[in-house]
Amino acid sequence: MNSIEDDLKVFHRYFLRTQVKNMEIKGWFHRFIYIPVGERVKILDELLRPYSGEKP
């Protein structure tokens, strides 16, 4: 389980770094498909963890 946490931290740092580099959002389509960093990490967390069988 620790490995997943480490992977998520690495992705979070990567997303923050790329967000700063690409702060200027160009065009309506890019703004439309943009996913905030916190949401990206949440999606990755859900994908990396095994299915628990419980409803959130």
N, C-alpha and C. Protein backbone atom coordinates (compact mmCIF):
# COMPACT_ATOMS: atom_id res chain seq x y z
N MET A 1 0.83 -1.19 0.00
CA MET A 1 0.00 0.00 0.00
C MET A 1 0.87 1.25 0.00
N ASN A 2 2.02 1.18 0.61
CA ASN A 2 2.92 2.32 0.67
C ASN A 2 3.39 2.72 -0.73
N SER A 3 3.55 1.76 -1.60
CA SER A 3 3.99 2.04 -2.96
C SER A 3 2.97 2.91 -3.69
N ILE A 4 1.70 2.65 -3.50
CA ILE A 4 0.66 3.45 -4.14
C ILE A 4 0.72 4.89 -3.64
N GLU A 5 0.89 5.05 -2.34
CA GLU A 5 0.99 6.40 -1.77
C GLU A 5 2.19 7.15 -2.36
N ASP A 6 3.31 6.46 -2.49
CA ASP A 6 4.51 7.08 -3.07
C ASP A 6 4.26 7.46 -4.53
N ASP A 7 3.62 6.57 -5.28
CA ASP A 7 3.31 6.86 -6.68
C ASP A 7 2.39 8.07 -6.81
N LEU A 8 1.39 8.15 -5.94
CA LEU A 8 0.47 9.29 -5.99
C LEU A 8 1.18 10.60 -5.67
N LYS A 9 2.13 10.56 -4.74
CA LYS A 9 2.89 11.77 -4.41
C LYS A 9 3.73 12.22 -5.60
N VAL A 10 4.33 11.26 -6.30
CA VAL A 10 5.14 11.58 -7.48
C VAL A 10 4.27 12.20 -8.56
N PHE A 11 3.11 11.60 -8.82
CA PHE A 11 2.19 12.15 -9.82
C PHE A 11 1.70 13.54 -9.42
N HIS A 12 1.41 13.72 -8.14
CA HIS A 12 0.93 15.02 -7.67
C HIS A 12 1.98 16.10 -7.91
N ARG A 13 3.24 15.81 -7.59
CA ARG A 13 4.32 16.77 -7.84
C ARG A 13 4.47 17.05 -9.34
N TYR A 14 4.36 15.99 -10.16
CA TYR A 14 4.46 16.16 -11.60
C TYR A 14 3.33 17.05 -12.13
N PHE A 15 2.11 16.78 -11.68
CA PHE A 15 0.97 17.58 -12.13
C PHE A 15 1.12 19.04 -11.72
N LEU A 16 1.57 19.28 -10.49
CA LEU A 16 1.78 20.66 -10.05
C LEU A 16 2.84 21.36 -10.88
N ARG A 17 3.93 20.64 -11.18
CA ARG A 17 5.02 21.22 -11.97
C ARG A 17 4.54 21.55 -13.39
N THR A 18 3.79 20.65 -14.00
CA THR A 18 3.31 20.91 -15.36
C THR A 18 2.23 21.98 -15.37
N GLN A 19 1.46 22.08 -14.30
CA GLN A 19 0.44 23.12 -14.22
C GLN A 19 1.09 24.50 -14.17
N VAL A 20 2.17 24.62 -13.43
CA VAL A 20 2.87 25.90 -13.33
C VAL A 20 3.49 26.25 -14.68
N LYS A 21 4.07 25.27 -15.37
CA LYS A 21 4.69 25.53 -16.66
C LYS A 21 3.66 25.92 -17.71
N ASN A 22 2.46 25.36 -17.61
CA ASN A 22 1.42 25.60 -18.61
C ASN A 22 0.26 26.41 -18.03
N MET A 23 0.58 27.43 -17.27
CA MET A 23 -0.46 28.19 -16.57
C MET A 23 -1.39 28.90 -17.55
N GLU A 24 -0.86 29.31 -18.68
CA GLU A 24 -1.69 30.01 -19.65
C GLU A 24 -2.55 29.00 -20.40
N ILE A 25 -3.84 29.02 -20.11
CA ILE A 25 -4.77 28.10 -20.77
C ILE A 25 -5.24 28.75 -22.07
N LYS A 26 -5.05 28.03 -23.17
CA LYS A 26 -5.33 28.59 -24.48
C LYS A 26 -6.63 28.02 -25.04
N GLY A 27 -7.53 28.90 -25.42
CA GLY A 27 -8.73 28.48 -26.11
C GLY A 27 -9.79 27.86 -25.22
N TRP A 28 -11.00 27.86 -25.70
CA TRP A 28 -12.12 27.33 -24.92
C TRP A 28 -12.04 25.82 -24.78
N PHE A 29 -11.54 25.12 -25.82
CA PHE A 29 -11.51 23.66 -25.75
C PHE A 29 -10.54 23.19 -24.67
N HIS A 30 -9.39 23.82 -24.58
CA HIS A 30 -8.42 23.46 -23.55
C HIS A 30 -8.99 23.72 -22.16
N ARG A 31 -9.68 24.84 -21.98
CA ARG A 31 -10.33 25.13 -20.70
C ARG A 31 -11.42 24.11 -20.40
N PHE A 32 -12.10 23.65 -21.44
CA PHE A 32 -13.18 22.68 -21.28
C PHE A 32 -12.66 21.33 -20.80
N ILE A 33 -11.52 20.88 -21.33
CA ILE A 33 -11.00 19.55 -20.98
C ILE A 33 -10.03 19.58 -19.80
N TYR A 34 -9.70 20.77 -19.30
CA TYR A 34 -8.75 20.88 -18.19
C TYR A 34 -9.31 20.24 -16.93
N ILE A 35 -8.50 19.42 -16.27
CA ILE A 35 -8.88 18.78 -15.01
C ILE A 35 -7.93 19.30 -13.93
N PRO A 36 -8.45 19.88 -12.84
CA PRO A 36 -7.59 20.39 -11.78
C PRO A 36 -6.70 19.29 -11.17
N VAL A 37 -5.57 19.70 -10.62
CA VAL A 37 -4.59 18.76 -10.08
C VAL A 37 -5.21 17.84 -9.02
N GLY A 38 -5.95 18.39 -8.09
CA GLY A 38 -6.57 17.58 -7.04
C GLY A 38 -7.48 16.51 -7.60
N GLU A 39 -8.23 16.86 -8.63
CA GLU A 39 -9.15 15.90 -9.26
C GLU A 39 -8.36 14.81 -9.98
N ARG A 40 -7.25 15.19 -10.65
CA ARG A 40 -6.42 14.18 -11.33
C ARG A 40 -5.87 13.17 -10.34
N VAL A 41 -5.38 13.65 -9.20
CA VAL A 41 -4.82 12.76 -8.19
C VAL A 41 -5.91 11.85 -7.63
N LYS A 42 -7.11 12.38 -7.43
CA LYS A 42 -8.22 11.58 -6.93
C LYS A 42 -8.58 10.47 -7.92
N ILE A 43 -8.61 10.79 -9.20
CA ILE A 43 -8.91 9.79 -10.23
C ILE A 43 -7.84 8.71 -10.23
N LEU A 44 -6.56 9.11 -10.18
CA LEU A 44 -5.48 8.13 -10.15
C LEU A 44 -5.56 7.25 -8.91
N ASP A 45 -5.88 7.83 -7.78
CA ASP A 45 -6.01 7.07 -6.54
C ASP A 45 -7.08 6.00 -6.69
N GLU A 46 -8.22 6.37 -7.27
CA GLU A 46 -9.30 5.41 -7.47
C GLU A 46 -8.91 4.31 -8.44
N LEU A 47 -8.12 4.64 -9.45
CA LEU A 47 -7.70 3.64 -10.43
C LEU A 47 -6.62 2.71 -9.89
N LEU A 48 -5.74 3.23 -9.03
CA LEU A 48 -4.63 2.42 -8.53
C LEU A 48 -5.04 1.48 -7.39
N ARG A 49 -6.06 1.84 -6.66
CA ARG A 49 -6.47 1.01 -5.52
C ARG A 49 -7.39 -0.11 -5.99
N PRO A 50 -7.26 -1.27 -5.38
CA PRO A 50 -8.14 -2.38 -5.76
C PRO A 50 -9.59 -2.09 -5.38
N TYR A 51 -10.49 -2.69 -6.10
CA TYR A 51 -11.93 -2.51 -5.85
C TYR A 51 -12.26 -3.06 -4.48
N SER A 52 -12.88 -2.22 -3.66
CA SER A 52 -13.17 -2.62 -2.28
C SER A 52 -14.53 -3.28 -2.15
N GLY A 53 -15.40 -3.10 -3.14
CA GLY A 53 -16.73 -3.70 -3.07
C GLY A 53 -17.71 -2.87 -2.27
N GLU A 54 -17.26 -1.74 -1.75
CA GLU A 54 -18.13 -0.88 -0.96
C GLU A 54 -18.51 0.34 -1.78
N LYS A 55 -19.71 0.82 -1.55
CA LYS A 55 -20.14 2.05 -2.20
C LYS A 55 -19.66 3.22 -1.37
N PRO A 56 -19.18 4.28 -2.04
CA PRO A 56 -18.67 5.44 -1.29
C PRO A 56 -19.77 6.19 -0.56
